[in-house]
Every structure is written in C-alpha cells, then in structure tokens.
C-alpha cells in the first residue's frame, strides 16, 4: 500500500504490516483513504481527532444555514384601508424575520372580471414594502386567486 505520513508527505509503497507498525510507533491510526486506487492509499492520522474536527465543521455549517419559510398574506380586492395596513404590517414583520411572503388576492364571484384591482392591490403592497423586499414572482392569476411572491432583500 502507498503510505502518507501525518504531515502529508509520501512515505512510499510498503506492506500493510510495516505501515501498521509505523503508525503504532507514532501512537496514531492507519486509515485507508483511497481503497480503489492501485496500490491502495493509507494515511497515518489520529482518527478520533479527525472525526471530532469533521463533526465540528458540520455543526458550524449547520449553524450558518437559514431555513426560509413562506408566509402568506391573504387579501380581498375590496379591502378597507385599515385592514390593508394590518396586512402590510404583517408582511413587513415576516420580511424582517427573513421569510418570503406570498401575497394572495382572493376573488369571489364576478370580482375576477376586475383582475386589474387585484393587480393594483399587489403593486400597492409591493410599493409599501419596497425598502425590505423585492418581487420574486410578479402578480399572476391562478384560478380564482392572484398570487405574488416577495423575497427579503439581502
């Protein structure tokens, strides 16, 4: 097998018995790094320390990850001013928390004929949160609903 030392230098090709003896003399482990290579490559290292550092790196990577949720704000085309302000405040709170916001304008009955009202409503909400969010998906009619997705700015 090909043997690699603690500090990464090549120790050459030698029988397994000799490699194990060298590792035991140093008080370390012999770890097979590339079993499919010809000859197989082994490395002398402290395996417990290696596993600990690897788990530490994985924990650190998980800590930096941010799970983005999609929160929904539902509106109607004939919404009153105060109700709209409450919905806008909720959307702002969601965006400040780092979540995406799905704005849904629900149409009932013949309201769907006035899709332009829903478009204006979506645009009005987007203007209100413009400093916090960008439009990820512009307003689009899907069945009886109009959907727009806002994403927080970095």
N, C-alpha and C. Protein backbone atom coordinates (compact mmCIF):
# COMPACT_ATOMS: atom_id res chain seq x y z
N UNK A 1 0.85 -1.18 0.00
CA UNK A 1 0.00 0.00 0.00
C UNK A 1 0.89 1.24 0.00
N UNK A 2 0.32 2.33 -0.54
CA UNK A 2 1.03 3.62 -0.53
C UNK A 2 0.72 4.30 0.80
N UNK A 3 1.74 4.80 1.47
CA UNK A 3 1.57 5.37 2.80
C UNK A 3 1.84 6.87 2.77
N UNK A 4 0.93 7.61 3.40
CA UNK A 4 1.07 9.06 3.53
C UNK A 4 1.24 9.36 5.01
N UNK A 5 2.23 10.19 5.35
CA UNK A 5 2.54 10.50 6.74
C UNK A 5 1.57 11.49 7.35
N UNK A 6 1.83 11.85 8.62
CA UNK A 6 0.96 12.74 9.39
C UNK A 6 0.89 14.12 8.74
N UNK A 7 2.03 14.65 8.30
CA UNK A 7 2.06 15.99 7.72
C UNK A 7 1.87 15.99 6.21
N UNK A 8 1.43 14.87 5.64
CA UNK A 8 1.08 14.82 4.23
C UNK A 8 2.20 14.38 3.30
N UNK A 9 3.41 14.06 3.84
CA UNK A 9 4.49 13.64 2.95
C UNK A 9 4.34 12.16 2.60
N UNK A 10 4.80 11.81 1.41
CA UNK A 10 4.72 10.42 0.93
C UNK A 10 5.81 9.59 1.62
N UNK A 11 5.42 8.47 2.21
CA UNK A 11 6.39 7.57 2.84
C UNK A 11 6.70 6.37 1.94
N UNK A 12 6.08 6.34 0.76
CA UNK A 12 6.37 5.30 -0.22
C UNK A 12 5.39 4.14 -0.17
N UNK A 13 5.71 3.10 -0.99
CA UNK A 13 4.88 1.90 -1.08
C UNK A 13 5.50 0.84 -0.18
N UNK A 14 4.69 0.25 0.71
CA UNK A 14 5.20 -0.75 1.65
C UNK A 14 4.10 -1.72 2.02
N UNK A 15 4.47 -2.88 2.60
CA UNK A 15 3.46 -3.85 3.03
C UNK A 15 2.61 -3.29 4.19
N UNK A 16 1.42 -3.82 4.33
CA UNK A 16 0.48 -3.37 5.36
C UNK A 16 1.08 -3.51 6.76
N UNK A 17 1.77 -4.60 6.99
CA UNK A 17 2.35 -4.87 8.31
C UNK A 17 3.30 -3.74 8.73
N UNK A 18 4.17 -3.33 7.78
CA UNK A 18 5.13 -2.26 8.08
C UNK A 18 4.42 -0.94 8.35
N UNK A 19 3.39 -0.65 7.54
CA UNK A 19 2.63 0.60 7.71
C UNK A 19 1.96 0.64 9.08
N UNK A 20 1.36 -0.48 9.51
CA UNK A 20 0.73 -0.57 10.82
C UNK A 20 1.76 -0.37 11.93
N UNK A 21 2.94 -0.95 11.76
CA UNK A 21 3.99 -0.82 12.76
C UNK A 21 4.41 0.65 12.92
N UNK A 22 4.59 1.35 11.77
CA UNK A 22 4.98 2.77 11.80
C UNK A 22 3.90 3.59 12.51
N UNK A 23 2.62 3.31 12.21
CA UNK A 23 1.52 4.05 12.82
C UNK A 23 1.49 3.81 14.33
N UNK A 24 1.69 2.55 14.76
CA UNK A 24 1.66 2.23 16.18
C UNK A 24 2.84 2.86 16.93
N UNK A 25 4.01 2.95 16.27
CA UNK A 25 5.17 3.58 16.88
C UNK A 25 4.89 5.06 17.18
N UNK A 26 4.12 5.69 16.29
CA UNK A 26 3.79 7.11 16.48
C UNK A 26 2.56 7.29 17.38
N UNK A 27 1.91 6.18 17.75
CA UNK A 27 0.73 6.26 18.61
C UNK A 27 -0.50 6.76 17.86
N UNK A 28 -0.54 6.55 16.55
CA UNK A 28 -1.63 7.03 15.71
C UNK A 28 -2.33 5.87 15.01
N UNK A 29 -3.33 6.19 14.18
CA UNK A 29 -4.11 5.18 13.46
C UNK A 29 -3.71 5.14 12.00
N UNK A 30 -3.89 3.97 11.37
CA UNK A 30 -3.67 3.82 9.94
C UNK A 30 -5.05 3.80 9.28
N UNK A 31 -5.35 4.83 8.47
CA UNK A 31 -6.67 4.99 7.88
C UNK A 31 -6.57 4.84 6.37
N UNK A 32 -7.42 3.96 5.82
CA UNK A 32 -7.45 3.76 4.36
C UNK A 32 -8.20 4.93 3.73
N UNK A 33 -7.50 5.71 2.89
CA UNK A 33 -8.07 6.91 2.31
C UNK A 33 -8.69 6.62 0.94
N UNK A 34 -7.97 5.88 0.11
CA UNK A 34 -8.45 5.56 -1.25
C UNK A 34 -8.30 4.07 -1.49
N UNK A 35 -9.34 3.28 -1.12
CA UNK A 35 -9.23 1.82 -1.26
C UNK A 35 -9.24 1.34 -2.70
N UNK A 36 -9.81 2.13 -3.63
CA UNK A 36 -9.90 1.67 -5.01
C UNK A 36 -8.65 1.98 -5.83
N UNK A 37 -7.76 2.80 -5.28
CA UNK A 37 -6.54 3.16 -6.01
C UNK A 37 -5.62 1.95 -6.09
N UNK A 38 -4.72 1.96 -7.04
CA UNK A 38 -3.72 0.90 -7.20
C UNK A 38 -2.35 1.50 -7.01
N UNK A 39 -1.61 1.19 -5.98
CA UNK A 39 -2.00 0.44 -4.78
C UNK A 39 -2.89 1.30 -3.89
N UNK A 40 -3.61 0.66 -2.94
CA UNK A 40 -4.48 1.43 -2.05
C UNK A 40 -3.67 2.47 -1.24
N UNK A 41 -4.31 3.61 -0.97
CA UNK A 41 -3.61 4.68 -0.25
C UNK A 41 -4.10 4.71 1.20
N UNK A 42 -3.14 4.72 2.14
CA UNK A 42 -3.46 4.80 3.56
C UNK A 42 -2.73 6.00 4.15
N UNK A 43 -3.28 6.52 5.23
CA UNK A 43 -2.71 7.71 5.86
C UNK A 43 -2.59 7.49 7.35
N UNK A 44 -1.50 7.99 7.91
CA UNK A 44 -1.31 7.91 9.35
C UNK A 44 -1.91 9.18 9.96
N UNK A 45 -2.90 8.98 10.86
CA UNK A 45 -3.55 10.14 11.50
C UNK A 45 -4.18 9.72 12.80
N UNK A 46 -4.58 10.71 13.62
CA UNK A 46 -5.35 10.45 14.83
C UNK A 46 -6.82 10.46 14.40
N UNK A 47 -7.40 9.27 14.24
CA UNK A 47 -8.73 9.15 13.65
C UNK A 47 -9.80 9.80 14.54
N UNK A 48 -9.68 9.66 15.86
CA UNK A 48 -10.66 10.28 16.77
C UNK A 48 -10.67 11.79 16.62
N UNK A 49 -9.48 12.38 16.53
CA UNK A 49 -9.37 13.83 16.36
C UNK A 49 -9.95 14.26 15.01
N UNK A 50 -9.69 13.45 13.98
CA UNK A 50 -10.19 13.74 12.63
C UNK A 50 -11.72 13.73 12.63
N UNK A 51 -12.34 12.71 13.25
CA UNK A 51 -13.80 12.62 13.30
C UNK A 51 -14.38 13.80 14.08
N UNK A 52 -13.72 14.18 15.19
CA UNK A 52 -14.20 15.29 16.01
C UNK A 52 -14.17 16.59 15.21
N UNK A 53 -13.07 16.86 14.51
CA UNK A 53 -12.96 18.10 13.72
C UNK A 53 -13.96 18.11 12.59
N UNK A 54 -14.22 16.94 11.99
CA UNK A 54 -15.19 16.86 10.91
C UNK A 54 -16.60 17.17 11.42
N UNK A 55 -16.97 16.63 12.59
CA UNK A 55 -18.30 16.90 13.14
C UNK A 55 -18.41 18.36 13.55
N UNK A 56 -17.30 18.94 14.03
CA UNK A 56 -17.28 20.35 14.41
C UNK A 56 -17.54 21.24 13.18
N UNK A 57 -16.90 20.90 12.05
CA UNK A 57 -17.12 21.65 10.80
C UNK A 57 -18.56 21.53 10.34
N UNK A 58 -19.15 20.35 10.43
CA UNK A 58 -20.54 20.14 10.02
C UNK A 58 -21.50 20.94 10.91
N UNK A 59 -21.23 20.96 12.22
CA UNK A 59 -22.06 21.74 13.14
C UNK A 59 -22.01 23.22 12.79
N UNK A 60 -20.80 23.70 12.49
CA UNK A 60 -20.62 25.11 12.14
C UNK A 60 -21.37 25.45 10.85
N UNK A 61 -21.34 24.53 9.87
CA UNK A 61 -22.04 24.75 8.61
C UNK A 61 -23.55 24.79 8.83
N UNK A 62 -24.05 23.90 9.71
CA UNK A 62 -25.49 23.87 10.01
C UNK A 62 -25.92 25.16 10.71
N UNK A 63 -25.04 25.70 11.56
CA UNK A 63 -25.36 26.91 12.30
C UNK A 63 -25.55 28.09 11.35
N UNK A 64 -24.79 28.10 10.26
CA UNK A 64 -24.84 29.23 9.33
C UNK A 64 -26.01 29.12 8.36
N UNK A 65 -26.63 27.96 8.26
CA UNK A 65 -27.76 27.79 7.35
C UNK A 65 -28.99 28.53 7.87
N UNK A 66 -29.76 29.06 6.95
CA UNK A 66 -31.01 29.75 7.32
C UNK A 66 -32.14 29.09 6.55
N UNK A 67 -33.11 28.57 7.28
CA UNK A 67 -34.27 27.95 6.63
C UNK A 67 -35.26 29.06 6.31
N UNK A 68 -35.61 29.20 5.04
CA UNK A 68 -36.53 30.25 4.62
C UNK A 68 -37.93 29.66 4.50
N UNK A 69 -38.83 30.25 5.24
CA UNK A 69 -40.23 29.83 5.18
C UNK A 69 -41.00 30.79 4.29
N UNK A 70 -42.13 30.32 3.77
CA UNK A 70 -43.01 31.20 3.01
C UNK A 70 -44.24 31.46 3.88
N UNK A 71 -44.44 32.73 4.22
CA UNK A 71 -45.62 33.14 4.99
C UNK A 71 -46.62 33.73 3.99
N UNK A 72 -47.90 33.56 4.29
CA UNK A 72 -48.92 34.02 3.34
C UNK A 72 -49.74 35.16 3.93
N UNK A 73 -50.00 36.15 3.09
CA UNK A 73 -50.89 37.25 3.44
C UNK A 73 -52.04 37.21 2.44
N UNK A 74 -53.28 37.02 2.94
CA UNK A 74 -54.44 36.91 2.05
C UNK A 74 -55.22 38.21 2.07
N UNK A 75 -55.56 38.69 0.89
CA UNK A 75 -56.31 39.93 0.74
C UNK A 75 -57.54 39.69 -0.12
N UNK A 76 -58.47 40.62 -0.07
CA UNK A 76 -59.62 40.63 -0.98
C UNK A 76 -59.53 41.92 -1.79
N UNK A 77 -60.07 41.95 -3.01
CA UNK A 77 -59.92 43.16 -3.83
C UNK A 77 -60.58 44.41 -3.25
N UNK A 78 -61.65 44.25 -2.46
CA UNK A 78 -62.33 45.43 -1.91
C UNK A 78 -62.00 45.59 -0.43
N UNK A 79 -60.71 45.48 -0.09
CA UNK A 79 -60.27 45.56 1.31
C UNK A 79 -60.27 47.02 1.78
N UNK A 80 -60.62 47.22 3.04
CA UNK A 80 -60.63 48.57 3.62
C UNK A 80 -59.20 49.00 3.95
N UNK A 81 -59.00 50.30 4.09
CA UNK A 81 -57.65 50.86 4.28
C UNK A 81 -56.96 50.32 5.54
N UNK A 82 -57.67 50.31 6.66
CA UNK A 82 -57.05 49.85 7.90
C UNK A 82 -56.69 48.37 7.82
N UNK A 83 -57.58 47.57 7.23
CA UNK A 83 -57.30 46.14 7.07
C UNK A 83 -56.07 45.94 6.20
N UNK A 84 -55.96 46.74 5.15
CA UNK A 84 -54.79 46.66 4.26
C UNK A 84 -53.52 46.99 5.05
N UNK A 85 -53.57 48.02 5.91
CA UNK A 85 -52.40 48.41 6.69
C UNK A 85 -51.97 47.29 7.65
N UNK A 86 -52.96 46.60 8.23
CA UNK A 86 -52.66 45.48 9.13
C UNK A 86 -51.94 44.37 8.35
N UNK A 87 -52.47 44.05 7.16
CA UNK A 87 -51.85 43.01 6.32
C UNK A 87 -50.44 43.43 5.90
N UNK A 88 -50.26 44.69 5.56
CA UNK A 88 -48.95 45.20 5.16
C UNK A 88 -47.97 45.10 6.33
N UNK A 89 -48.45 45.43 7.53
CA UNK A 89 -47.59 45.33 8.73
C UNK A 89 -47.15 43.90 8.97
N UNK A 90 -48.10 42.97 8.77
CA UNK A 90 -47.76 41.55 8.92
C UNK A 90 -46.70 41.14 7.90
N UNK A 91 -46.87 41.58 6.66
CA UNK A 91 -45.90 41.25 5.61
C UNK A 91 -44.53 41.82 5.96
N UNK A 92 -44.51 43.05 6.48
CA UNK A 92 -43.23 43.66 6.88
C UNK A 92 -42.57 42.85 7.99
N UNK A 93 -43.37 42.41 8.96
CA UNK A 93 -42.82 41.61 10.06
C UNK A 93 -42.22 40.30 9.54
N UNK A 94 -42.93 39.64 8.61
CA UNK A 94 -42.43 38.39 8.04
C UNK A 94 -41.12 38.62 7.30
N UNK A 95 -41.05 39.71 6.52
CA UNK A 95 -39.85 40.00 5.73
C UNK A 95 -38.67 40.33 6.65
N UNK A 96 -38.94 41.05 7.75
CA UNK A 96 -37.87 41.37 8.69
C UNK A 96 -37.34 40.12 9.37
N UNK A 97 -38.19 39.11 9.53
CA UNK A 97 -37.75 37.83 10.10
C UNK A 97 -36.98 36.99 9.09
N UNK A 98 -36.91 37.46 7.83
CA UNK A 98 -36.16 36.75 6.80
C UNK A 98 -36.98 35.74 6.02
N UNK A 99 -38.30 35.78 6.15
CA UNK A 99 -39.15 34.85 5.43
C UNK A 99 -39.66 35.48 4.14
N UNK A 100 -40.00 34.63 3.17
CA UNK A 100 -40.64 35.11 1.95
C UNK A 100 -42.12 35.32 2.25
N UNK A 101 -42.75 36.18 1.48
CA UNK A 101 -44.18 36.45 1.69
C UNK A 101 -44.93 36.16 0.40
N UNK A 102 -45.96 35.31 0.52
CA UNK A 102 -46.84 35.01 -0.60
C UNK A 102 -48.08 35.86 -0.42
N UNK A 103 -48.30 36.78 -1.34
CA UNK A 103 -49.46 37.67 -1.28
C UNK A 103 -50.53 37.05 -2.17
N UNK A 104 -51.67 36.73 -1.58
CA UNK A 104 -52.77 36.12 -2.32
C UNK A 104 -53.97 37.05 -2.28
N UNK A 105 -54.44 37.44 -3.45
CA UNK A 105 -55.67 38.23 -3.56
C UNK A 105 -56.76 37.25 -4.00
N UNK A 106 -57.76 37.07 -3.14
CA UNK A 106 -58.82 36.10 -3.42
C UNK A 106 -60.02 36.80 -4.05
N UNK A 107 -60.45 36.29 -5.18
CA UNK A 107 -61.62 36.84 -5.88
C UNK A 107 -62.80 35.92 -5.65
N UNK A 108 -64.00 36.52 -5.45
CA UNK A 108 -65.20 35.72 -5.32
C UNK A 108 -66.21 36.18 -6.37
N UNK A 109 -66.87 35.22 -6.94
CA UNK A 109 -67.94 35.53 -7.91
C UNK A 109 -67.44 36.31 -9.10
N UNK A 110 -68.10 37.47 -9.36
CA UNK A 110 -67.76 38.25 -10.55
C UNK A 110 -66.57 39.16 -10.34
N UNK A 111 -65.98 39.16 -9.13
CA UNK A 111 -64.82 40.01 -8.87
C UNK A 111 -63.66 39.68 -9.80
N UNK A 112 -63.60 38.44 -10.26
CA UNK A 112 -62.48 38.00 -11.12
C UNK A 112 -62.44 38.82 -12.42
N UNK A 113 -63.58 39.40 -12.80
CA UNK A 113 -63.61 40.23 -14.01
C UNK A 113 -62.78 41.50 -13.81
N UNK A 114 -62.54 41.88 -12.55
CA UNK A 114 -61.75 43.08 -12.25
C UNK A 114 -60.39 42.70 -11.70
N UNK A 115 -59.66 41.88 -12.45
CA UNK A 115 -58.33 41.44 -12.04
C UNK A 115 -57.38 42.62 -11.90
N UNK A 116 -57.67 43.74 -12.61
CA UNK A 116 -56.81 44.92 -12.52
C UNK A 116 -56.81 45.49 -11.10
N UNK A 117 -57.94 45.35 -10.36
CA UNK A 117 -57.98 45.80 -8.97
C UNK A 117 -57.00 45.00 -8.10
N UNK A 118 -56.98 43.70 -8.35
CA UNK A 118 -56.04 42.83 -7.63
C UNK A 118 -54.60 43.19 -7.97
N UNK A 119 -54.36 43.51 -9.25
CA UNK A 119 -53.02 43.90 -9.69
C UNK A 119 -52.58 45.18 -8.97
N UNK A 120 -53.51 46.14 -8.87
CA UNK A 120 -53.19 47.41 -8.19
C UNK A 120 -52.91 47.17 -6.70
N UNK A 121 -53.69 46.28 -6.12
CA UNK A 121 -53.52 45.96 -4.70
C UNK A 121 -52.14 45.33 -4.45
N UNK A 122 -51.76 44.39 -5.32
CA UNK A 122 -50.45 43.75 -5.20
C UNK A 122 -49.34 44.79 -5.36
N UNK A 123 -49.52 45.67 -6.33
CA UNK A 123 -48.50 46.69 -6.58
C UNK A 123 -48.39 47.65 -5.38
N UNK A 124 -49.54 47.98 -4.80
CA UNK A 124 -49.57 48.88 -3.65
C UNK A 124 -48.82 48.27 -2.46
N UNK A 125 -49.05 46.96 -2.25
CA UNK A 125 -48.35 46.27 -1.16
C UNK A 125 -46.85 46.19 -1.45
N UNK A 126 -46.51 45.91 -2.70
CA UNK A 126 -45.10 45.82 -3.08
C UNK A 126 -44.40 47.17 -2.89
N UNK A 127 -45.10 48.27 -3.21
CA UNK A 127 -44.54 49.61 -3.01
C UNK A 127 -44.33 49.90 -1.52
N UNK A 128 -45.26 49.41 -0.69
CA UNK A 128 -45.19 49.66 0.74
C UNK A 128 -44.00 48.95 1.39
N UNK A 129 -43.62 47.78 0.86
CA UNK A 129 -42.51 47.02 1.43
C UNK A 129 -41.27 47.07 0.53
N UNK A 130 -41.22 48.04 -0.37
CA UNK A 130 -40.14 48.10 -1.37
C UNK A 130 -38.75 48.20 -0.75
N UNK A 131 -38.63 48.86 0.41
CA UNK A 131 -37.31 49.00 1.03
C UNK A 131 -36.84 47.70 1.68
N UNK A 132 -37.77 46.76 1.98
CA UNK A 132 -37.43 45.50 2.63
C UNK A 132 -37.40 44.31 1.66
N UNK A 133 -38.18 44.41 0.57
CA UNK A 133 -38.36 43.23 -0.27
C UNK A 133 -38.30 43.56 -1.75
N UNK A 134 -38.02 42.52 -2.51
CA UNK A 134 -38.10 42.62 -3.97
C UNK A 134 -39.12 41.60 -4.45
N UNK A 135 -39.70 41.87 -5.60
CA UNK A 135 -40.72 40.96 -6.14
C UNK A 135 -40.01 39.78 -6.78
N UNK A 136 -40.21 38.60 -6.18
CA UNK A 136 -39.59 37.40 -6.74
C UNK A 136 -40.43 36.84 -7.88
N UNK A 137 -41.75 36.89 -7.69
CA UNK A 137 -42.68 36.40 -8.71
C UNK A 137 -43.77 37.45 -8.85
N UNK A 138 -43.89 38.07 -10.02
CA UNK A 138 -44.89 39.13 -10.19
C UNK A 138 -46.32 38.59 -10.07
N UNK A 139 -47.30 39.47 -9.85
CA UNK A 139 -48.69 39.03 -9.68
C UNK A 139 -49.18 38.25 -10.90
N UNK A 140 -49.81 37.11 -10.63
CA UNK A 140 -50.29 36.25 -11.71
C UNK A 140 -51.59 35.59 -11.25
N UNK A 141 -52.59 35.55 -12.13
CA UNK A 141 -53.88 34.94 -11.78
C UNK A 141 -53.75 33.42 -11.89
N UNK A 142 -54.11 32.75 -10.79
CA UNK A 142 -54.12 31.28 -10.76
C UNK A 142 -55.50 30.86 -10.28
N UNK A 143 -56.36 30.52 -11.19
CA UNK A 143 -57.74 30.16 -10.82
C UNK A 143 -58.49 31.39 -10.34
N UNK A 144 -59.02 31.34 -9.11
CA UNK A 144 -59.76 32.48 -8.55
C UNK A 144 -58.87 33.35 -7.67
N UNK A 145 -57.57 33.08 -7.67
CA UNK A 145 -56.63 33.85 -6.84
C UNK A 145 -55.59 34.53 -7.72
N UNK A 146 -55.05 35.63 -7.20
CA UNK A 146 -53.90 36.27 -7.82
C UNK A 146 -52.75 36.13 -6.81
N UNK A 147 -51.62 35.63 -7.27
CA UNK A 147 -50.51 35.31 -6.37
C UNK A 147 -49.27 36.11 -6.75
N UNK A 148 -48.60 36.66 -5.74
CA UNK A 148 -47.33 37.35 -5.92
C UNK A 148 -46.43 36.91 -4.78
N UNK A 149 -45.13 36.72 -5.06
CA UNK A 149 -44.19 36.31 -4.01
C UNK A 149 -43.14 37.40 -3.83
N UNK A 150 -42.97 37.83 -2.57
CA UNK A 150 -41.97 38.83 -2.21
C UNK A 150 -40.84 38.14 -1.45
N UNK A 151 -39.60 38.48 -1.80
CA UNK A 151 -38.44 37.91 -1.12
C UNK A 151 -37.70 39.02 -0.39
N UNK A 152 -37.21 38.76 0.81
CA UNK A 152 -36.47 39.80 1.54
C UNK A 152 -35.19 40.16 0.83
N UNK A 153 -34.83 41.45 0.85
CA UNK A 153 -33.56 41.89 0.27
C UNK A 153 -32.43 41.46 1.20
N UNK A 154 -31.30 41.15 0.60
CA UNK A 154 -30.16 40.67 1.40
C UNK A 154 -29.61 41.78 2.29
